[in-house]
Amino acid sequence: MYRVCVDCGSKPGVRPEYEEAAGKTGRYLAGKGIGLVYGGGAAGLRGTLARACKDNGGNVTGVIPRKIYDNVSHIELDFLHIVETMHERKRKMSDLSDAFLALPGGFGTFEEIFEAVAWLQLGYHSKPCALYNVCGYYDPLQVFLKNCLSEGFLRREHYDLLFISDSLEAIFSHFRHFRHEYVSKWA
């Protein structure tokens, strides 16, 4: 089964469109027979995403550190991996996934998707990475990344490793057609 790791906020955000997008993503995954791998828990966009996927017949796997597991509410999942550290969590999520997608979120969401892109840039995996740009949430980040490119901290081929779109269909088309040949960042 093809599986996508989805990172998103453990809070719902201020716009109803964020939760709508999380629900749409969960239903999309279930409808396409794509497994969901996510950070576990029932709160915020994560909970909306997982419930929408599960309620529509999708396969949902959670990966959560024990420290967090002991302090949050839960959803009945197909699989739940309880690990000891955030590093183990990210490694397990990466091992279980064929692609990485981030919806709106905060520091944890940013850290997880950027680590996935950095691992892709460094040749540790060859899995596609994308941001679902709901209501222009990632527009300021796009400006920042273009600045990184123009200031010489990103090469064009590495800048292009993070696909950004406000369309789930475009994101999953990108995932289906993604082919990556490792280009050393030091070459």
N, C-alpha and C. Protein backbone atom coordinates (compact mmCIF):
# COMPACT_ATOMS: atom_id res chain seq x y z
N MET A 1 0.83 -1.18 0.00
CA MET A 1 0.00 0.00 0.00
C MET A 1 0.88 1.25 0.00
N TYR A 2 0.54 2.19 -0.85
CA TYR A 2 1.21 3.49 -0.88
C TYR A 2 0.76 4.25 0.36
N ARG A 3 1.70 4.86 1.08
CA ARG A 3 1.37 5.59 2.30
C ARG A 3 2.02 6.97 2.28
N VAL A 4 1.26 7.95 2.79
CA VAL A 4 1.75 9.32 2.85
C VAL A 4 1.80 9.75 4.31
N CYS A 5 2.94 10.29 4.69
CA CYS A 5 3.10 10.89 6.01
C CYS A 5 2.56 12.31 5.92
N VAL A 6 1.56 12.61 6.74
CA VAL A 6 0.98 13.96 6.75
C VAL A 6 1.27 14.61 8.09
N ASP A 7 1.95 15.75 8.03
CA ASP A 7 2.21 16.56 9.22
C ASP A 7 1.25 17.74 9.19
N CYS A 8 0.72 18.07 10.36
CA CYS A 8 -0.17 19.22 10.46
C CYS A 8 -0.34 19.60 11.92
N GLY A 9 -1.04 20.69 12.15
CA GLY A 9 -1.17 21.23 13.48
C GLY A 9 -1.95 20.36 14.45
N SER A 10 -1.52 20.39 15.70
CA SER A 10 -2.28 19.74 16.77
C SER A 10 -3.31 20.72 17.32
N LYS A 11 -3.43 21.86 16.68
CA LYS A 11 -4.46 22.84 16.95
C LYS A 11 -5.24 23.04 15.64
N PRO A 12 -6.48 23.54 15.73
CA PRO A 12 -7.27 23.69 14.50
C PRO A 12 -6.96 24.94 13.69
N GLY A 13 -6.28 25.91 14.28
CA GLY A 13 -6.08 27.17 13.58
C GLY A 13 -7.32 28.04 13.69
N VAL A 14 -7.25 29.26 13.18
CA VAL A 14 -8.35 30.20 13.33
C VAL A 14 -9.36 30.17 12.18
N ARG A 15 -8.96 29.61 11.06
CA ARG A 15 -9.86 29.58 9.90
C ARG A 15 -10.52 28.21 9.78
N PRO A 16 -11.82 28.18 9.53
CA PRO A 16 -12.50 26.89 9.34
C PRO A 16 -11.97 26.14 8.11
N GLU A 17 -11.39 26.86 7.17
CA GLU A 17 -10.86 26.22 5.96
C GLU A 17 -9.73 25.24 6.28
N TYR A 18 -9.01 25.47 7.37
CA TYR A 18 -7.92 24.56 7.73
C TYR A 18 -8.48 23.19 8.11
N GLU A 19 -9.50 23.18 8.94
CA GLU A 19 -10.11 21.89 9.30
C GLU A 19 -10.80 21.26 8.10
N GLU A 20 -11.42 22.08 7.27
CA GLU A 20 -12.04 21.55 6.05
C GLU A 20 -11.00 20.87 5.17
N ALA A 21 -9.83 21.49 5.05
CA ALA A 21 -8.76 20.92 4.23
C ALA A 21 -8.22 19.62 4.85
N ALA A 22 -8.12 19.58 6.17
CA ALA A 22 -7.66 18.35 6.84
C ALA A 22 -8.65 17.23 6.60
N GLY A 23 -9.94 17.53 6.73
CA GLY A 23 -10.96 16.52 6.45
C GLY A 23 -10.95 16.07 5.01
N LYS A 24 -10.80 17.02 4.10
CA LYS A 24 -10.73 16.70 2.67
C LYS A 24 -9.53 15.80 2.38
N THR A 25 -8.40 16.09 3.01
CA THR A 25 -7.20 15.28 2.80
C THR A 25 -7.43 13.85 3.29
N GLY A 26 -8.01 13.71 4.48
CA GLY A 26 -8.31 12.37 5.00
C GLY A 26 -9.25 11.59 4.10
N ARG A 27 -10.30 12.24 3.62
CA ARG A 27 -11.24 11.58 2.71
C ARG A 27 -10.58 11.23 1.39
N TYR A 28 -9.74 12.12 0.90
CA TYR A 28 -9.02 11.88 -0.36
C TYR A 28 -8.15 10.63 -0.24
N LEU A 29 -7.37 10.56 0.84
CA LEU A 29 -6.51 9.39 1.05
C LEU A 29 -7.33 8.11 1.08
N ALA A 30 -8.40 8.11 1.87
CA ALA A 30 -9.24 6.92 1.99
C ALA A 30 -9.83 6.54 0.63
N GLY A 31 -10.32 7.54 -0.11
CA GLY A 31 -10.94 7.29 -1.40
C GLY A 31 -9.99 6.74 -2.44
N LYS A 32 -8.73 7.07 -2.33
CA LYS A 32 -7.72 6.61 -3.29
C LYS A 32 -6.99 5.35 -2.81
N GLY A 33 -7.35 4.86 -1.61
CA GLY A 33 -6.68 3.67 -1.08
C GLY A 33 -5.25 3.94 -0.65
N ILE A 34 -4.97 5.19 -0.28
CA ILE A 34 -3.64 5.59 0.16
C ILE A 34 -3.63 5.59 1.69
N GLY A 35 -2.67 4.91 2.29
CA GLY A 35 -2.58 4.88 3.74
C GLY A 35 -2.07 6.19 4.30
N LEU A 36 -2.58 6.54 5.48
CA LEU A 36 -2.14 7.73 6.20
C LEU A 36 -1.19 7.33 7.32
N VAL A 37 -0.06 7.99 7.37
CA VAL A 37 0.87 7.91 8.51
C VAL A 37 0.90 9.30 9.10
N TYR A 38 0.66 9.40 10.40
CA TYR A 38 0.64 10.73 11.03
C TYR A 38 1.12 10.61 12.47
N GLY A 39 1.22 11.75 13.14
CA GLY A 39 1.81 11.81 14.46
C GLY A 39 0.97 11.31 15.61
N GLY A 40 -0.20 10.74 15.35
CA GLY A 40 -1.04 10.21 16.42
C GLY A 40 -1.81 11.32 17.11
N GLY A 41 -2.67 10.93 18.00
CA GLY A 41 -3.46 11.89 18.75
C GLY A 41 -4.73 12.29 18.04
N ALA A 42 -5.61 12.97 18.79
CA ALA A 42 -6.94 13.29 18.30
C ALA A 42 -7.22 14.79 18.21
N ALA A 43 -6.25 15.62 18.58
CA ALA A 43 -6.51 17.05 18.65
C ALA A 43 -6.20 17.76 17.33
N GLY A 44 -6.84 18.90 17.14
CA GLY A 44 -6.54 19.80 16.04
C GLY A 44 -6.71 19.20 14.67
N LEU A 45 -5.90 19.70 13.73
CA LEU A 45 -5.98 19.22 12.35
C LEU A 45 -5.62 17.75 12.26
N ARG A 46 -4.69 17.29 13.12
CA ARG A 46 -4.31 15.88 13.12
C ARG A 46 -5.52 14.99 13.37
N GLY A 47 -6.29 15.33 14.38
CA GLY A 47 -7.47 14.53 14.69
C GLY A 47 -8.50 14.55 13.57
N THR A 48 -8.73 15.75 13.02
CA THR A 48 -9.68 15.88 11.91
C THR A 48 -9.23 15.03 10.73
N LEU A 49 -7.96 15.10 10.40
CA LEU A 49 -7.38 14.33 9.30
C LEU A 49 -7.57 12.83 9.53
N ALA A 50 -7.15 12.34 10.69
CA ALA A 50 -7.20 10.91 10.98
C ALA A 50 -8.64 10.39 11.02
N ARG A 51 -9.53 11.14 11.68
CA ARG A 51 -10.93 10.71 11.75
C ARG A 51 -11.55 10.65 10.35
N ALA A 52 -11.30 11.66 9.52
CA ALA A 52 -11.87 11.68 8.17
C ALA A 52 -11.37 10.50 7.36
N CYS A 53 -10.10 10.17 7.48
CA CYS A 53 -9.55 9.03 6.75
C CYS A 53 -10.17 7.74 7.26
N LYS A 54 -10.16 7.56 8.57
CA LYS A 54 -10.67 6.33 9.19
C LYS A 54 -12.17 6.17 8.93
N ASP A 55 -12.94 7.24 9.11
CA ASP A 55 -14.40 7.19 8.94
C ASP A 55 -14.80 6.87 7.51
N ASN A 56 -13.89 7.06 6.56
CA ASN A 56 -14.19 6.78 5.16
C ASN A 56 -13.49 5.52 4.66
N GLY A 57 -13.12 4.65 5.59
CA GLY A 57 -12.56 3.34 5.23
C GLY A 57 -11.07 3.33 4.99
N GLY A 58 -10.37 4.41 5.34
CA GLY A 58 -8.94 4.48 5.10
C GLY A 58 -8.13 3.76 6.16
N ASN A 59 -6.88 3.53 5.82
CA ASN A 59 -5.92 2.88 6.71
C ASN A 59 -5.08 3.96 7.39
N VAL A 60 -5.08 3.95 8.73
CA VAL A 60 -4.41 5.02 9.48
C VAL A 60 -3.40 4.43 10.46
N THR A 61 -2.18 4.92 10.37
CA THR A 61 -1.10 4.53 11.27
C THR A 61 -0.61 5.76 12.02
N GLY A 62 -0.57 5.67 13.33
CA GLY A 62 -0.05 6.74 14.15
C GLY A 62 1.32 6.37 14.71
N VAL A 63 2.17 7.38 14.86
CA VAL A 63 3.49 7.19 15.48
C VAL A 63 3.63 8.31 16.50
N ILE A 64 3.79 7.94 17.76
CA ILE A 64 3.76 8.95 18.81
C ILE A 64 4.74 8.61 19.93
N PRO A 65 5.47 9.58 20.42
CA PRO A 65 6.34 9.33 21.57
C PRO A 65 5.51 9.08 22.83
N ARG A 66 5.99 8.22 23.69
CA ARG A 66 5.27 7.86 24.92
C ARG A 66 4.92 9.10 25.74
N LYS A 67 5.85 10.03 25.86
CA LYS A 67 5.62 11.25 26.65
C LYS A 67 4.39 12.00 26.15
N ILE A 68 4.20 12.05 24.86
CA ILE A 68 3.03 12.72 24.29
C ILE A 68 1.81 11.81 24.41
N TYR A 69 1.98 10.53 24.12
CA TYR A 69 0.87 9.57 24.18
C TYR A 69 0.17 9.61 25.54
N ASP A 70 0.95 9.70 26.58
CA ASP A 70 0.39 9.69 27.94
C ASP A 70 -0.39 10.95 28.28
N ASN A 71 -0.32 11.98 27.44
CA ASN A 71 -0.94 13.27 27.76
C ASN A 71 -1.97 13.76 26.76
N VAL A 72 -2.32 12.95 25.77
CA VAL A 72 -3.29 13.40 24.77
C VAL A 72 -4.40 12.37 24.58
N SER A 73 -5.51 12.82 23.99
CA SER A 73 -6.59 11.90 23.66
C SER A 73 -6.25 11.15 22.38
N HIS A 74 -6.97 10.05 22.15
CA HIS A 74 -6.62 9.15 21.04
C HIS A 74 -7.82 8.79 20.19
N ILE A 75 -7.51 8.33 19.00
CA ILE A 75 -8.48 7.81 18.05
C ILE A 75 -8.16 6.34 17.83
N GLU A 76 -9.16 5.53 17.59
CA GLU A 76 -8.93 4.12 17.27
C GLU A 76 -8.29 4.04 15.87
N LEU A 77 -7.05 3.53 15.82
CA LEU A 77 -6.29 3.48 14.58
C LEU A 77 -6.08 2.05 14.13
N ASP A 78 -5.66 1.87 12.89
CA ASP A 78 -5.30 0.54 12.41
C ASP A 78 -4.00 0.07 13.05
N PHE A 79 -3.06 1.00 13.18
CA PHE A 79 -1.77 0.70 13.80
C PHE A 79 -1.34 1.91 14.62
N LEU A 80 -0.75 1.65 15.78
CA LEU A 80 -0.18 2.72 16.58
C LEU A 80 1.18 2.27 17.07
N HIS A 81 2.19 3.04 16.73
CA HIS A 81 3.56 2.78 17.18
C HIS A 81 3.89 3.79 18.27
N ILE A 82 4.17 3.30 19.46
CA ILE A 82 4.59 4.18 20.55
C ILE A 82 6.10 4.06 20.66
N VAL A 83 6.77 5.19 20.51
CA VAL A 83 8.23 5.23 20.53
C VAL A 83 8.69 6.09 21.71
N GLU A 84 9.97 6.11 21.95
CA GLU A 84 10.48 6.83 23.12
C GLU A 84 10.84 8.28 22.83
N THR A 85 11.31 8.59 21.62
CA THR A 85 11.78 9.95 21.35
C THR A 85 11.19 10.49 20.05
N MET A 86 11.31 11.80 19.89
CA MET A 86 10.87 12.43 18.64
C MET A 86 11.74 11.97 17.48
N HIS A 87 13.02 11.72 17.74
CA HIS A 87 13.89 11.23 16.68
C HIS A 87 13.43 9.87 16.19
N GLU A 88 13.05 8.98 17.10
CA GLU A 88 12.52 7.67 16.71
C GLU A 88 11.22 7.84 15.94
N ARG A 89 10.40 8.77 16.39
CA ARG A 89 9.12 9.01 15.73
C ARG A 89 9.33 9.39 14.26
N LYS A 90 10.21 10.36 14.03
CA LYS A 90 10.44 10.82 12.66
C LYS A 90 11.04 9.72 11.79
N ARG A 91 11.96 8.95 12.34
CA ARG A 91 12.56 7.86 11.59
C ARG A 91 11.50 6.82 11.23
N LYS A 92 10.64 6.47 12.19
CA LYS A 92 9.60 5.47 11.94
C LYS A 92 8.61 5.99 10.90
N MET A 93 8.21 7.24 11.03
CA MET A 93 7.28 7.81 10.05
C MET A 93 7.89 7.81 8.66
N SER A 94 9.16 8.12 8.57
CA SER A 94 9.85 8.11 7.28
C SER A 94 9.91 6.70 6.71
N ASP A 95 10.25 5.75 7.56
CA ASP A 95 10.35 4.35 7.10
C ASP A 95 9.01 3.82 6.60
N LEU A 96 7.92 4.27 7.20
CA LEU A 96 6.59 3.76 6.85
C LEU A 96 5.96 4.47 5.65
N SER A 97 6.56 5.58 5.20
CA SER A 97 5.92 6.44 4.21
C SER A 97 6.60 6.42 2.86
N ASP A 98 5.80 6.73 1.84
CA ASP A 98 6.30 6.85 0.47
C ASP A 98 6.36 8.30 0.00
N ALA A 99 5.77 9.21 0.77
CA ALA A 99 5.75 10.63 0.44
C ALA A 99 5.46 11.41 1.71
N PHE A 100 5.75 12.72 1.66
CA PHE A 100 5.54 13.59 2.82
C PHE A 100 4.71 14.80 2.42
N LEU A 101 3.72 15.12 3.23
CA LEU A 101 2.83 16.24 2.97
C LEU A 101 2.63 17.01 4.27
N ALA A 102 2.68 18.33 4.19
CA ALA A 102 2.38 19.16 5.36
C ALA A 102 1.20 20.07 5.05
N LEU A 103 0.24 20.05 5.95
CA LEU A 103 -0.86 21.00 5.97
C LEU A 103 -0.43 22.13 6.91
N PRO A 104 -1.26 23.14 7.13
CA PRO A 104 -0.88 24.18 8.08
C PRO A 104 -0.56 23.61 9.46
N GLY A 105 0.37 24.24 10.12
CA GLY A 105 0.79 23.84 11.46
C GLY A 105 1.84 24.79 11.97
N GLY A 106 2.44 24.42 13.09
CA GLY A 106 3.43 25.26 13.74
C GLY A 106 4.82 24.66 13.68
N PHE A 107 5.61 24.90 14.72
CA PHE A 107 7.01 24.48 14.74
C PHE A 107 7.20 23.00 14.44
N GLY A 108 6.38 22.13 15.05
CA GLY A 108 6.53 20.70 14.83
C GLY A 108 6.29 20.32 13.38
N THR A 109 5.27 20.92 12.78
CA THR A 109 4.98 20.66 11.37
C THR A 109 6.13 21.11 10.49
N PHE A 110 6.62 22.33 10.75
CA PHE A 110 7.74 22.85 9.95
C PHE A 110 8.96 21.95 10.08
N GLU A 111 9.27 21.61 11.32
CA GLU A 111 10.47 20.82 11.58
C GLU A 111 10.40 19.47 10.87
N GLU A 112 9.24 18.83 10.92
CA GLU A 112 9.12 17.51 10.31
C GLU A 112 9.19 17.55 8.79
N ILE A 113 8.50 18.50 8.16
CA ILE A 113 8.56 18.55 6.70
C ILE A 113 9.92 19.02 6.22
N PHE A 114 10.54 19.95 6.93
CA PHE A 114 11.87 20.40 6.51
C PHE A 114 12.92 19.32 6.70
N GLU A 115 12.78 18.51 7.73
CA GLU A 115 13.72 17.40 7.87
C GLU A 115 13.55 16.43 6.71
N ALA A 116 12.31 16.15 6.31
CA ALA A 116 12.08 15.25 5.18
C ALA A 116 12.70 15.82 3.90
N VAL A 117 12.55 17.13 3.68
CA VAL A 117 13.14 17.76 2.49
C VAL A 117 14.66 17.75 2.58
N ALA A 118 15.20 18.00 3.75
CA ALA A 118 16.66 17.98 3.92
C ALA A 118 17.21 16.58 3.66
N TRP A 119 16.51 15.56 4.14
CA TRP A 119 16.95 14.17 3.89
C TRP A 119 16.89 13.87 2.40
N LEU A 120 15.88 14.38 1.71
CA LEU A 120 15.79 14.22 0.26
C LEU A 120 16.95 14.93 -0.42
N GLN A 121 17.23 16.15 -0.01
CA GLN A 121 18.34 16.93 -0.57
C GLN A 121 19.67 16.21 -0.38
N LEU A 122 19.84 15.55 0.75
CA LEU A 122 21.10 14.89 1.07
C LEU A 122 21.18 13.45 0.57
N GLY A 123 20.11 12.97 -0.05
CA GLY A 123 20.13 11.63 -0.62
C GLY A 123 19.83 10.51 0.35
N TYR A 124 19.24 10.82 1.51
CA TYR A 124 18.88 9.77 2.47
C TYR A 124 17.59 9.06 2.09
N HIS A 125 16.79 9.65 1.23
CA HIS A 125 15.62 8.99 0.65
C HIS A 125 15.33 9.68 -0.68
N SER A 126 14.40 9.14 -1.43
CA SER A 126 14.01 9.75 -2.70
C SER A 126 12.49 9.88 -2.79
N LYS A 127 11.89 10.32 -1.70
CA LYS A 127 10.44 10.43 -1.59
C LYS A 127 10.00 11.89 -1.77
N PRO A 128 8.90 12.12 -2.48
CA PRO A 128 8.46 13.49 -2.71
C PRO A 128 7.96 14.17 -1.44
N CYS A 129 8.09 15.49 -1.43
CA CYS A 129 7.68 16.33 -0.29
C CYS A 129 6.84 17.48 -0.81
N ALA A 130 5.75 17.79 -0.10
CA ALA A 130 4.87 18.87 -0.55
C ALA A 130 4.23 19.59 0.61
N LEU A 131 3.83 20.83 0.33
CA LEU A 131 3.05 21.64 1.26
C LEU A 131 1.68 21.89 0.63
N TYR A 132 0.63 21.64 1.40
CA TYR A 132 -0.73 21.95 0.98
C TYR A 132 -1.00 23.38 1.43
N ASN A 133 -1.01 24.30 0.48
CA ASN A 133 -1.06 25.73 0.76
C ASN A 133 -2.50 26.22 0.92
N VAL A 134 -3.12 25.83 2.01
CA VAL A 134 -4.52 26.16 2.29
C VAL A 134 -4.63 27.65 2.63
N CYS A 135 -5.50 28.35 1.92
CA CYS A 135 -5.75 29.78 2.15
C CYS A 135 -4.47 30.61 2.14
N GLY A 136 -3.50 30.20 1.35
CA GLY A 136 -2.25 30.95 1.24
C GLY A 136 -1.37 30.87 2.47
N TYR A 137 -1.61 29.87 3.33
CA TYR A 137 -0.86 29.75 4.59
C TYR A 137 0.65 29.75 4.36
N TYR A 138 1.09 29.08 3.30
CA TYR A 138 2.53 28.97 3.06
C TYR A 138 3.08 30.04 2.10
N ASP A 139 2.27 31.03 1.73
CA ASP A 139 2.77 32.10 0.86
C ASP A 139 3.98 32.82 1.44
N PRO A 140 3.96 33.22 2.73
CA PRO A 140 5.15 33.88 3.29
C PRO A 140 6.39 32.97 3.27
N LEU A 141 6.18 31.68 3.45
CA LEU A 141 7.30 30.76 3.40
C LEU A 141 7.87 30.69 1.98
N GLN A 142 7.01 30.73 0.98
CA GLN A 142 7.49 30.73 -0.40
C GLN A 142 8.37 31.96 -0.66
N VAL A 143 7.98 33.10 -0.13
CA VAL A 143 8.79 34.31 -0.27
C VAL A 143 10.14 34.10 0.39
N PHE A 144 10.13 33.54 1.59
CA PHE A 144 11.37 33.29 2.31
C PHE A 144 12.27 32.32 1.54
N LEU A 145 11.70 31.23 1.02
CA LEU A 145 12.50 30.25 0.28
C LEU A 145 13.08 30.86 -1.00
N LYS A 146 12.31 31.72 -1.65
CA LYS A 146 12.86 32.41 -2.83
C LYS A 146 14.01 33.32 -2.43
N ASN A 147 13.92 33.91 -1.25
CA ASN A 147 15.03 34.72 -0.74
C ASN A 147 16.25 33.84 -0.49
N CYS A 148 16.05 32.65 0.08
CA CYS A 148 17.16 31.71 0.29
C CYS A 148 17.83 31.39 -1.04
N LEU A 149 17.02 31.20 -2.07
CA LEU A 149 17.54 30.90 -3.40
C LEU A 149 18.34 32.09 -3.95
N SER A 150 17.76 33.28 -3.89
CA SER A 150 18.44 34.45 -4.46
C SER A 150 19.68 34.85 -3.66
N GLU A 151 19.71 34.51 -2.37
CA GLU A 151 20.86 34.83 -1.53
C GLU A 151 21.94 33.75 -1.57
N GLY A 152 21.72 32.71 -2.38
CA GLY A 152 22.75 31.70 -2.58
C GLY A 152 22.81 30.60 -1.53
N PHE A 153 21.74 30.43 -0.73
CA PHE A 153 21.73 29.37 0.28
C PHE A 153 20.98 28.14 -0.18
N LEU A 154 20.30 28.23 -1.31
CA LEU A 154 19.65 27.08 -1.94
C LEU A 154 19.99 27.10 -3.42
N ARG A 155 20.25 25.91 -3.96
CA ARG A 155 20.38 25.78 -5.41
C ARG A 155 19.01 25.50 -5.99
N ARG A 156 18.80 25.87 -7.23
CA ARG A 156 17.50 25.72 -7.89
C ARG A 156 16.98 24.28 -7.77
N GLU A 157 17.84 23.31 -8.03
CA GLU A 157 17.37 21.91 -7.99
C GLU A 157 16.95 21.48 -6.59
N HIS A 158 17.50 22.11 -5.56
CA HIS A 158 17.09 21.79 -4.20
C HIS A 158 15.85 22.59 -3.80
N TYR A 159 15.75 23.83 -4.25
CA TYR A 159 14.55 24.63 -4.03
C TYR A 159 13.32 23.90 -4.59
N ASP A 160 13.49 23.28 -5.75
CA ASP A 160 12.39 22.60 -6.42
C ASP A 160 11.98 21.28 -5.76
N LEU A 161 12.71 20.84 -4.75
CA LEU A 161 12.37 19.58 -4.08
C LEU A 161 11.10 19.69 -3.22
N LEU A 162 10.71 20.90 -2.85
CA LEU A 162 9.52 21.09 -2.03
C LEU A 162 8.41 21.65 -2.91
N PHE A 163 7.46 20.80 -3.25
CA PHE A 163 6.34 21.18 -4.11
C PHE A 163 5.29 21.87 -3.25
N ILE A 164 4.79 23.01 -3.70
CA ILE A 164 3.81 23.78 -2.94
C ILE A 164 2.60 24.05 -3.83
N SER A 165 1.41 23.67 -3.32
CA SER A 165 0.20 23.87 -4.12
C SER A 165 -1.02 23.99 -3.21
N ASP A 166 -2.04 24.67 -3.71
CA ASP A 166 -3.32 24.74 -2.98
C ASP A 166 -4.30 23.69 -3.51
N SER A 167 -3.81 22.74 -4.30
CA SER A 167 -4.65 21.71 -4.90
C SER A 167 -4.16 20.31 -4.50
N LEU A 168 -5.02 19.55 -3.81
CA LEU A 168 -4.66 18.16 -3.48
C LEU A 168 -4.40 17.35 -4.74
N GLU A 169 -5.20 17.58 -5.77
CA GLU A 169 -5.03 16.82 -7.00
C GLU A 169 -3.66 17.08 -7.61
N ALA A 170 -3.22 18.33 -7.61
CA ALA A 170 -1.90 18.66 -8.14
C ALA A 170 -0.80 18.04 -7.28
N ILE A 171 -0.98 18.03 -5.98
CA ILE A 171 0.01 17.44 -5.08
C ILE A 171 0.15 15.95 -5.35
N PHE A 172 -0.97 15.26 -5.45
CA PHE A 172 -0.89 13.81 -5.65
C PHE A 172 -0.46 13.45 -7.07
N SER A 173 -0.73 14.31 -8.02
CA SER A 173 -0.17 14.12 -9.36
C SER A 173 1.35 14.26 -9.29
N HIS A 174 1.82 15.26 -8.56
CA HIS A 174 3.27 15.43 -8.36
C HIS A 174 3.86 14.17 -7.71
N PHE A 175 3.20 13.67 -6.68
CA PHE A 175 3.69 12.46 -6.01
C PHE A 175 3.80 11.30 -6.99
N ARG A 176 2.76 11.11 -7.81
CA ARG A 176 2.76 9.99 -8.77
C ARG A 176 3.87 10.09 -9.79
N HIS A 177 4.19 11.29 -10.21
CA HIS A 177 5.17 11.48 -11.28
C HIS A 177 6.57 11.84 -10.79
N PHE A 178 6.76 11.90 -9.49
CA PHE A 178 8.03 12.33 -8.93
C PHE A 178 9.14 11.31 -9.20
N ARG A 179 10.21 11.79 -9.77
CA ARG A 179 11.43 10.99 -9.97
C ARG A 179 12.57 11.87 -9.53
N HIS A 180 13.43 11.35 -8.70
CA HIS A 180 14.50 12.17 -8.16
C HIS A 180 15.84 11.51 -8.37
N GLU A 181 16.73 12.25 -8.97
CA GLU A 181 18.12 11.83 -9.05
C GLU A 181 18.90 12.71 -8.11
N TYR A 182 19.57 12.08 -7.19
CA TYR A 182 20.34 12.80 -6.19
C TYR A 182 21.40 13.68 -6.84
N VAL A 183 21.42 14.95 -6.45
CA VAL A 183 22.43 15.90 -6.88
C VAL A 183 23.11 16.40 -5.61
N SER A 184 24.38 16.11 -5.45
CA SER A 184 25.08 16.52 -4.25
C SER A 184 25.00 18.03 -4.07
N LYS A 185 24.69 18.45 -2.87
CA LYS A 185 24.64 19.89 -2.60
C LYS A 185 26.04 20.48 -2.58
N TRP A 186 27.08 19.64 -2.55
CA TRP A 186 28.45 20.12 -2.50
C TRP A 186 29.15 20.10 -3.85
N ALA A 187 28.47 19.56 -4.86
CA ALA A 187 29.10 19.45 -6.18
C ALA A 187 29.20 20.80 -6.86
